[in-house]
Amino acid sequence: DGSVFGNYITFFSDPAFYGTISTTLWIAVPV
């Protein structure tokens, strides 16, 4: 889209994206 922080804004505004952080931590930390 030509903006500087467009990718990061998209990531942290969409639950389908930022929800993967907690999912990955929920797997990696217990393991």
PDB file of all heavy atoms in Angstrom:
ATOM      1  N   ASP A   1       0.807  -1.223   0.000  1.00  0.00           N
ATOM      2  CA  ASP A   1       0.000   0.000   0.000  1.00  0.00           C
ATOM      3  C   ASP A   1       0.835   1.266   0.000  1.00  0.00           C
ATOM      4  O   ASP A   1       0.295   2.370  -0.041  1.00  0.00           O
ATOM      5  CB  ASP A   1      -0.955   0.007   1.198  1.00  0.00           C
ATOM      6  CG  ASP A   1      -0.218  -0.064   2.528  1.00  0.00           C
ATOM      7  OD1 ASP A   1       1.026   0.005   2.538  1.00  0.00           O
ATOM      8  OD2 ASP A   1      -0.891  -0.208   3.569  1.00  0.00           O
ATOM      9  N   GLY A   2       2.155   1.132   0.072  1.00  0.00           N
ATOM     10  CA  GLY A   2       3.026   2.294   0.000  1.00  0.00           C
ATOM     11  C   GLY A   2       3.327   2.963   1.320  1.00  0.00           C
ATOM     12  O   GLY A   2       4.206   3.827   1.380  1.00  0.00           O
ATOM     13  N   SER A   3       2.639   2.609   2.394  1.00  0.00           N
ATOM     14  CA  SER A   3       2.919   3.202   3.701  1.00  0.00           C
ATOM     15  C   SER A   3       4.139   2.541   4.317  1.00  0.00           C
ATOM     16  O   SER A   3       4.553   1.452   3.913  1.00  0.00           O
ATOM     17  CB  SER A   3       1.712   3.047   4.627  1.00  0.00           C
ATOM     18  OG  SER A   3       1.414   1.690   4.833  1.00  0.00           O
ATOM     19  N   VAL A   4       4.691   3.186   5.334  1.00  0.00           N
ATOM     20  CA  VAL A   4       5.909   2.663   5.956  1.00  0.00           C
ATOM     21  C   VAL A   4       5.592   1.531   6.912  1.00  0.00           C
ATOM     22  O   VAL A   4       6.214   0.468   6.878  1.00  0.00           O
ATOM     23  CB  VAL A   4       6.666   3.795   6.680  1.00  0.00           C
ATOM     24  CG1 VAL A   4       7.907   3.241   7.376  1.00  0.00           C
ATOM     25  CG2 VAL A   4       7.057   4.894   5.695  1.00  0.00           C
ATOM     26  N   PHE A   5       4.609   1.737   7.768  1.00  0.00           N
ATOM     27  CA  PHE A   5       4.280   0.752   8.800  1.00  0.00           C
ATOM     28  C   PHE A   5       3.018  -0.033   8.459  1.00  0.00           C
ATOM     29  O   PHE A   5       2.367  -0.579   9.342  1.00  0.00           O
ATOM     30  CB  PHE A   5       4.097   1.440  10.156  1.00  0.00           C
ATOM     31  CG  PHE A   5       5.311   2.173  10.631  1.00  0.00           C
ATOM     32  CD1 PHE A   5       5.412   3.548  10.479  1.00  0.00           C
ATOM     33  CD2 PHE A   5       6.363   1.490  11.218  1.00  0.00           C
ATOM     34  CE1 PHE A   5       6.530   4.228  10.920  1.00  0.00           C
ATOM     35  CE2 PHE A   5       7.485   2.157  11.661  1.00  0.00           C
ATOM     36  CZ  PHE A   5       7.582   3.538  11.507  1.00  0.00           C
ATOM     37  N   GLY A   6       2.671  -0.109   7.180  1.00  0.00           N
ATOM     38  CA  GLY A   6       1.440  -0.771   6.779  1.00  0.00           C
ATOM     39  C   GLY A   6       1.394  -2.238   7.164  1.00  0.00           C
ATOM     40  O   GLY A   6       0.353  -2.738   7.622  1.00  0.00           O
ATOM     41  N   ASN A   7       2.504  -2.960   6.982  1.00  0.00           N
ATOM     42  CA  ASN A   7       2.508  -4.382   7.326  1.00  0.00           C
ATOM     43  C   ASN A   7       2.311  -4.614   8.816  1.00  0.00           C
ATOM     44  O   ASN A   7       1.567  -5.513   9.229  1.00  0.00           O
ATOM     45  CB  ASN A   7       3.840  -5.015   6.885  1.00  0.00           C
ATOM     46  CG  ASN A   7       3.960  -5.126   5.377  1.00  0.00           C
ATOM     47  OD1 ASN A   7       2.970  -5.346   4.688  1.00  0.00           O
ATOM     48  ND2 ASN A   7       5.164  -4.966   4.871  1.00  0.00           N
ATOM     49  N   TYR A   8       2.961  -3.816   9.622  1.00  0.00           N
ATOM     50  CA  TYR A   8       2.850  -3.984  11.074  1.00  0.00           C
ATOM     51  C   TYR A   8       1.464  -3.586  11.575  1.00  0.00           C
ATOM     52  O   TYR A   8       0.930  -4.212  12.496  1.00  0.00           O
ATOM     53  CB  TYR A   8       3.937  -3.169  11.774  1.00  0.00           C
ATOM     54  CG  TYR A   8       5.331  -3.644  11.440  1.00  0.00           C
ATOM     55  CD1 TYR A   8       6.064  -3.039  10.422  1.00  0.00           C
ATOM     56  CD2 TYR A   8       5.904  -4.702  12.126  1.00  0.00           C
ATOM     57  CE1 TYR A   8       7.341  -3.472  10.105  1.00  0.00           C
ATOM     58  CE2 TYR A   8       7.186  -5.151  11.823  1.00  0.00           C
ATOM     59  CZ  TYR A   8       7.896  -4.530  10.803  1.00  0.00           C
ATOM     60  OH  TYR A   8       9.160  -4.973  10.492  1.00  0.00           O
ATOM     61  N   ILE A   9       0.889  -2.550  10.964  1.00  0.00           N
ATOM     62  CA  ILE A   9      -0.474  -2.160  11.335  1.00  0.00           C
ATOM     63  C   ILE A   9      -1.458  -3.263  10.972  1.00  0.00           C
ATOM     64  O   ILE A   9      -2.369  -3.600  11.739  1.00  0.00           O
ATOM     65  CB  ILE A   9      -0.850  -0.829  10.646  1.00  0.00           C
ATOM     66  CG1 ILE A   9       0.025   0.302  11.186  1.00  0.00           C
ATOM     67  CG2 ILE A   9      -2.321  -0.508  10.861  1.00  0.00           C
ATOM     68  CD1 ILE A   9      -0.182   1.624  10.469  1.00  0.00           C
ATOM     69  N   THR A  10      -1.277  -3.851   9.791  1.00  0.00           N
ATOM     70  CA  THR A  10      -2.145  -4.948   9.366  1.00  0.00           C
ATOM     71  C   THR A  10      -2.018  -6.138  10.303  1.00  0.00           C
ATOM     72  O   THR A  10      -3.021  -6.765  10.675  1.00  0.00           O
ATOM     73  CB  THR A  10      -1.801  -5.369   7.927  1.00  0.00           C
ATOM     74  OG1 THR A  10      -1.972  -4.253   7.055  1.00  0.00           O
ATOM     75  CG2 THR A  10      -2.681  -6.516   7.474  1.00  0.00           C
ATOM     76  N   PHE A  11      -0.800  -6.460  10.710  1.00  0.00           N
ATOM     77  CA  PHE A  11      -0.575  -7.620  11.562  1.00  0.00           C
ATOM     78  C   PHE A  11      -1.247  -7.437  12.922  1.00  0.00           C
ATOM     79  O   PHE A  11      -1.961  -8.333  13.404  1.00  0.00           O
ATOM     80  CB  PHE A  11       0.928  -7.853  11.743  1.00  0.00           C
ATOM     81  CG  PHE A  11       1.264  -9.086  12.533  1.00  0.00           C
ATOM     82  CD1 PHE A  11       1.450 -10.302  11.903  1.00  0.00           C
ATOM     83  CD2 PHE A  11       1.388  -9.032  13.913  1.00  0.00           C
ATOM     84  CE1 PHE A  11       1.759 -11.442  12.625  1.00  0.00           C
ATOM     85  CE2 PHE A  11       1.696 -10.165  14.643  1.00  0.00           C
ATOM     86  CZ  PHE A  11       1.877 -11.374  14.009  1.00  0.00           C
ATOM     87  N   PHE A  12      -1.036  -6.301  13.566  1.00  0.00           N
ATOM     88  CA  PHE A  12      -1.532  -6.111  14.927  1.00  0.00           C
ATOM     89  C   PHE A  12      -2.986  -5.629  14.978  1.00  0.00           C
ATOM     90  O   PHE A  12      -3.520  -5.424  16.066  1.00  0.00           O
ATOM     91  CB  PHE A  12      -0.639  -5.126  15.678  1.00  0.00           C
ATOM     92  CG  PHE A  12       0.705  -5.689  16.035  1.00  0.00           C
ATOM     93  CD1 PHE A  12       1.836  -5.315  15.318  1.00  0.00           C
ATOM     94  CD2 PHE A  12       0.837  -6.617  17.061  1.00  0.00           C
ATOM     95  CE1 PHE A  12       3.081  -5.839  15.643  1.00  0.00           C
ATOM     96  CE2 PHE A  12       2.072  -7.148  17.376  1.00  0.00           C
ATOM     97  CZ  PHE A  12       3.196  -6.759  16.672  1.00  0.00           C
ATOM     98  N   SER A  13      -3.608  -5.459  13.820  1.00  0.00           N
ATOM     99  CA  SER A  13      -5.021  -5.102  13.799  1.00  0.00           C
ATOM    100  C   SER A  13      -5.915  -6.272  13.383  1.00  0.00           C
ATOM    101  O   SER A  13      -7.144  -6.152  13.444  1.00  0.00           O
ATOM    102  CB  SER A  13      -5.252  -3.929  12.843  1.00  0.00           C
ATOM    103  OG  SER A  13      -4.871  -4.263  11.515  1.00  0.00           O
ATOM    104  N   ASP A  14      -5.328  -7.377  12.985  1.00  0.00           N
ATOM    105  CA  ASP A  14      -6.091  -8.542  12.538  1.00  0.00           C
ATOM    106  C   ASP A  14      -5.873  -9.694  13.523  1.00  0.00           C
ATOM    107  O   ASP A  14      -4.743 -10.151  13.692  1.00  0.00           O
ATOM    108  CB  ASP A  14      -5.632  -8.957  11.141  1.00  0.00           C
ATOM    109  CG  ASP A  14      -6.536 -10.015  10.526  1.00  0.00           C
ATOM    110  OD1 ASP A  14      -7.365 -10.596  11.252  1.00  0.00           O
ATOM    111  OD2 ASP A  14      -6.394 -10.276   9.310  1.00  0.00           O
ATOM    112  N   PRO A  15      -6.929 -10.176  14.192  1.00  0.00           N
ATOM    113  CA  PRO A  15      -6.758 -11.296  15.141  1.00  0.00           C
ATOM    114  C   PRO A  15      -6.186 -12.545  14.498  1.00  0.00           C
ATOM    115  O   PRO A  15      -5.526 -13.343  15.174  1.00  0.00           O
ATOM    116  CB  PRO A  15      -8.184 -11.531  15.652  1.00  0.00           C
ATOM    117  CG  PRO A  15      -8.917 -10.255  15.395  1.00  0.00           C
ATOM    118  CD  PRO A  15      -8.310  -9.685  14.145  1.00  0.00           C
ATOM    119  N   ALA A  16      -6.430 -12.737  13.217  1.00  0.00           N
ATOM    120  CA  ALA A  16      -5.884 -13.906  12.540  1.00  0.00           C
ATOM    121  C   ALA A  16      -4.360 -13.859  12.483  1.00  0.00           C
ATOM    122  O   ALA A  16      -3.703 -14.903  12.366  1.00  0.00           O
ATOM    123  CB  ALA A  16      -6.448 -14.005  11.124  1.00  0.00           C
ATOM    124  N   PHE A  17      -3.801 -12.646  12.575  1.00  0.00           N
ATOM    125  CA  PHE A  17      -2.350 -12.486  12.579  1.00  0.00           C
ATOM    126  C   PHE A  17      -1.794 -12.457  14.000  1.00  0.00           C
ATOM    127  O   PHE A  17      -0.972 -13.308  14.369  1.00  0.00           O
ATOM    128  CB  PHE A  17      -1.950 -11.208  11.832  1.00  0.00           C
ATOM    129  CG  PHE A  17      -1.995 -11.339  10.341  1.00  0.00           C
ATOM    130  CD1 PHE A  17      -2.850 -10.550   9.593  1.00  0.00           C
ATOM    131  CD2 PHE A  17      -1.176 -12.232   9.671  1.00  0.00           C
ATOM    132  CE1 PHE A  17      -2.898 -10.657   8.217  1.00  0.00           C
ATOM    133  CE2 PHE A  17      -1.212 -12.359   8.299  1.00  0.00           C
ATOM    134  CZ  PHE A  17      -2.078 -11.569   7.566  1.00  0.00           C
ATOM    135  N   TYR A  18      -2.216 -11.475  14.806  1.00  0.00           N
ATOM    136  CA  TYR A  18      -1.593 -11.328  16.123  1.00  0.00           C
ATOM    137  C   TYR A  18      -1.978 -12.456  17.077  1.00  0.00           C
ATOM    138  O   TYR A  18      -1.290 -12.691  18.070  1.00  0.00           O
ATOM    139  CB  TYR A  18      -1.912  -9.968  16.741  1.00  0.00           C
ATOM    140  CG  TYR A  18      -3.340  -9.729  17.131  1.00  0.00           C
ATOM    141  CD1 TYR A  18      -3.901 -10.298  18.279  1.00  0.00           C
ATOM    142  CD2 TYR A  18      -4.155  -8.869  16.387  1.00  0.00           C
ATOM    143  CE1 TYR A  18      -5.215 -10.063  18.649  1.00  0.00           C
ATOM    144  CE2 TYR A  18      -5.458  -8.630  16.751  1.00  0.00           C
ATOM    145  CZ  TYR A  18      -5.979  -9.218  17.885  1.00  0.00           C
ATOM    146  OH  TYR A  18      -7.287  -8.965  18.264  1.00  0.00           O
ATOM    147  N   GLY A  19      -3.057 -13.180  16.776  1.00  0.00           N
ATOM    148  CA  GLY A  19      -3.404 -14.325  17.613  1.00  0.00           C
ATOM    149  C   GLY A  19      -2.407 -15.466  17.497  1.00  0.00           C
ATOM    150  O   GLY A  19      -2.308 -16.314  18.410  1.00  0.00           O
ATOM    151  N   THR A  20      -1.639 -15.483  16.408  1.00  0.00           N
ATOM    152  CA  THR A  20      -0.648 -16.554  16.254  1.00  0.00           C
ATOM    153  C   THR A  20       0.504 -16.415  17.251  1.00  0.00           C
ATOM    154  O   THR A  20       1.202 -17.401  17.526  1.00  0.00           O
ATOM    155  CB  THR A  20      -0.080 -16.544  14.824  1.00  0.00           C
ATOM    156  OG1 THR A  20       0.512 -15.243  14.555  1.00  0.00           O
ATOM    157  CG2 THR A  20      -1.175 -16.800  13.812  1.00  0.00           C
ATOM    158  N   ILE A  21       0.704 -15.225  17.796  1.00  0.00           N
ATOM    159  CA  ILE A  21       1.786 -15.036  18.773  1.00  0.00           C
ATOM    160  C   ILE A  21       1.502 -15.849  20.033  1.00  0.00           C
ATOM    161  O   ILE A  21       2.346 -16.612  20.518  1.00  0.00           O
ATOM    162  CB  ILE A  21       1.954 -13.542  19.104  1.00  0.00           C
ATOM    163  CG1 ILE A  21       2.382 -12.760  17.865  1.00  0.00           C
ATOM    164  CG2 ILE A  21       2.975 -13.362  20.229  1.00  0.00           C
ATOM    165  CD1 ILE A  21       2.508 -11.274  18.093  1.00  0.00           C
ATOM    166  N   SER A  22       0.302 -15.683  20.587  1.00  0.00           N
ATOM    167  CA  SER A  22      -0.053 -16.427  21.799  1.00  0.00           C
ATOM    168  C   SER A  22      -0.111 -17.933  21.531  1.00  0.00           C
ATOM    169  O   SER A  22       0.278 -18.740  22.387  1.00  0.00           O
ATOM    170  CB  SER A  22      -1.392 -15.939  22.338  1.00  0.00           C
ATOM    171  OG  SER A  22      -2.425 -16.099  21.369  1.00  0.00           O
ATOM    172  N   THR A  23      -0.580 -18.313  20.333  1.00  0.00           N
ATOM    173  CA  THR A  23      -0.624 -19.738  19.993  1.00  0.00           C
ATOM    174  C   THR A  23       0.773 -20.341  19.957  1.00  0.00           C
ATOM    175  O   THR A  23       1.008 -21.440  20.487  1.00  0.00           O
ATOM    176  CB  THR A  23      -1.314 -19.940  18.634  1.00  0.00           C
ATOM    177  OG1 THR A  23      -2.641 -19.418  18.688  1.00  0.00           O
ATOM    178  CG2 THR A  23      -1.377 -21.413  18.269  1.00  0.00           C
ATOM    179  N   THR A  24       1.701 -19.630  19.343  1.00  0.00           N
ATOM    180  CA  THR A  24       3.071 -20.133  19.265  1.00  0.00           C
ATOM    181  C   THR A  24       3.719 -20.195  20.638  1.00  0.00           C
ATOM    182  O   THR A  24       4.419 -21.167  20.958  1.00  0.00           O
ATOM    183  CB  THR A  24       3.905 -19.249  18.327  1.00  0.00           C
ATOM    184  OG1 THR A  24       3.201 -19.062  17.092  1.00  0.00           O
ATOM    185  CG2 THR A  24       5.245 -19.894  18.035  1.00  0.00           C
ATOM    186  N   LEU A  25       3.502 -19.171  21.454  1.00  0.00           N
ATOM    187  CA  LEU A  25       4.055 -19.181  22.813  1.00  0.00           C
ATOM    188  C   LEU A  25       3.441 -20.303  23.641  1.00  0.00           C
ATOM    189  O   LEU A  25       4.131 -20.931  24.463  1.00  0.00           O
ATOM    190  CB  LEU A  25       3.809 -17.834  23.485  1.00  0.00           C
ATOM    191  CG  LEU A  25       4.605 -16.647  22.943  1.00  0.00           C
ATOM    192  CD1 LEU A  25       4.145 -15.356  23.612  1.00  0.00           C
ATOM    193  CD2 LEU A  25       6.103 -16.845  23.165  1.00  0.00           C
ATOM    194  N   TRP A  26       2.151 -20.574  23.438  1.00  0.00           N
ATOM    195  CA  TRP A  26       1.472 -21.623  24.187  1.00  0.00           C
ATOM    196  C   TRP A  26       2.029 -23.000  23.837  1.00  0.00           C
ATOM    197  O   TRP A  26       1.930 -23.946  24.625  1.00  0.00           O
ATOM    198  CB  TRP A  26      -0.021 -21.559  23.918  1.00  0.00           C
ATOM    199  CG  TRP A  26      -0.836 -22.624  24.585  1.00  0.00           C
ATOM    200  CD1 TRP A  26      -1.601 -23.578  23.979  1.00  0.00           C
ATOM    201  CD2 TRP A  26      -0.970 -22.860  25.994  1.00  0.00           C
ATOM    202  NE1 TRP A  26      -2.194 -24.386  24.908  1.00  0.00           N
ATOM    203  CE2 TRP A  26      -1.832 -23.967  26.163  1.00  0.00           C
ATOM    204  CE3 TRP A  26      -0.444 -22.239  27.125  1.00  0.00           C
ATOM    205  CZ2 TRP A  26      -2.166 -24.466  27.413  1.00  0.00           C
ATOM    206  CZ3 TRP A  26      -0.784 -22.743  28.382  1.00  0.00           C
ATOM    207  CH2 TRP A  26      -1.639 -23.841  28.510  1.00  0.00           C
ATOM    208  N   ILE A  27       2.623 -23.126  22.663  1.00  0.00           N
ATOM    209  CA  ILE A  27       3.261 -24.385  22.280  1.00  0.00           C
ATOM    210  C   ILE A  27       4.732 -24.401  22.686  1.00  0.00           C
ATOM    211  O   ILE A  27       5.227 -25.364  23.266  1.00  0.00           O
ATOM    212  CB  ILE A  27       3.132 -24.613  20.761  1.00  0.00           C
ATOM    213  CG1 ILE A  27       1.664 -24.801  20.370  1.00  0.00           C
ATOM    214  CG2 ILE A  27       3.952 -25.818  20.321  1.00  0.00           C
ATOM    215  CD1 ILE A  27       1.439 -24.919  18.876  1.00  0.00           C
ATOM    216  N   ALA A  28       5.450 -23.318  22.393  1.00  0.00           N
ATOM    217  CA  ALA A  28       6.906 -23.307  22.574  1.00  0.00           C
ATOM    218  C   ALA A  28       7.325 -23.302  24.039  1.00  0.00           C
ATOM    219  O   ALA A  28       8.258 -24.017  24.421  1.00  0.00           O
ATOM    220  CB  ALA A  28       7.504 -22.096  21.854  1.00  0.00           C
ATOM    221  N   VAL A  29       6.659 -22.511  24.868  1.00  0.00           N
ATOM    222  CA  VAL A  29       7.076 -22.406  26.273  1.00  0.00           C
ATOM    223  C   VAL A  29       6.877 -23.721  27.028  1.00  0.00           C
ATOM    224  O   VAL A  29       7.805 -24.205  27.694  1.00  0.00           O
ATOM    225  CB  VAL A  29       6.345 -21.237  26.970  1.00  0.00           C
ATOM    226  CG1 VAL A  29       6.649 -21.223  28.466  1.00  0.00           C
ATOM    227  CG2 VAL A  29       6.753 -19.905  26.342  1.00  0.00           C
ATOM    228  N   PRO A  30       5.683 -24.365  26.975  1.00  0.00           N
ATOM    229  CA  PRO A  30       5.549 -25.656  27.666  1.00  0.00           C
ATOM    230  C   PRO A  30       6.500 -26.727  27.149  1.00  0.00           C
ATOM    231  O   PRO A  30       7.031 -27.518  27.940  1.00  0.00           O
ATOM    232  CB  PRO A  30       4.086 -26.039  27.418  1.00  0.00           C
ATOM    233  CG  PRO A  30       3.385 -24.758  27.157  1.00  0.00           C
ATOM    234  CD  PRO A  30       4.382 -23.920  26.431  1.00  0.00           C
ATOM    235  N   VAL A  31       6.708 -26.773  25.842  1.00  0.00           N
ATOM    236  CA  VAL A  31       7.634 -27.758  25.289  1.00  0.00           C
ATOM    237  C   VAL A  31       9.044 -27.524  25.819  1.00  0.00           C
ATOM    238  O   VAL A  31       9.748 -28.471  26.227  1.00  0.00           O
ATOM    239  CB  VAL A  31       7.615 -27.712  23.748  1.00  0.00           C
ATOM    240  CG1 VAL A  31       8.801 -28.484  23.170  1.00  0.00           C
ATOM    241  CG2 VAL A  31       6.318 -28.290  23.215  1.00  0.00           C
TER     242      VAL A  31
END
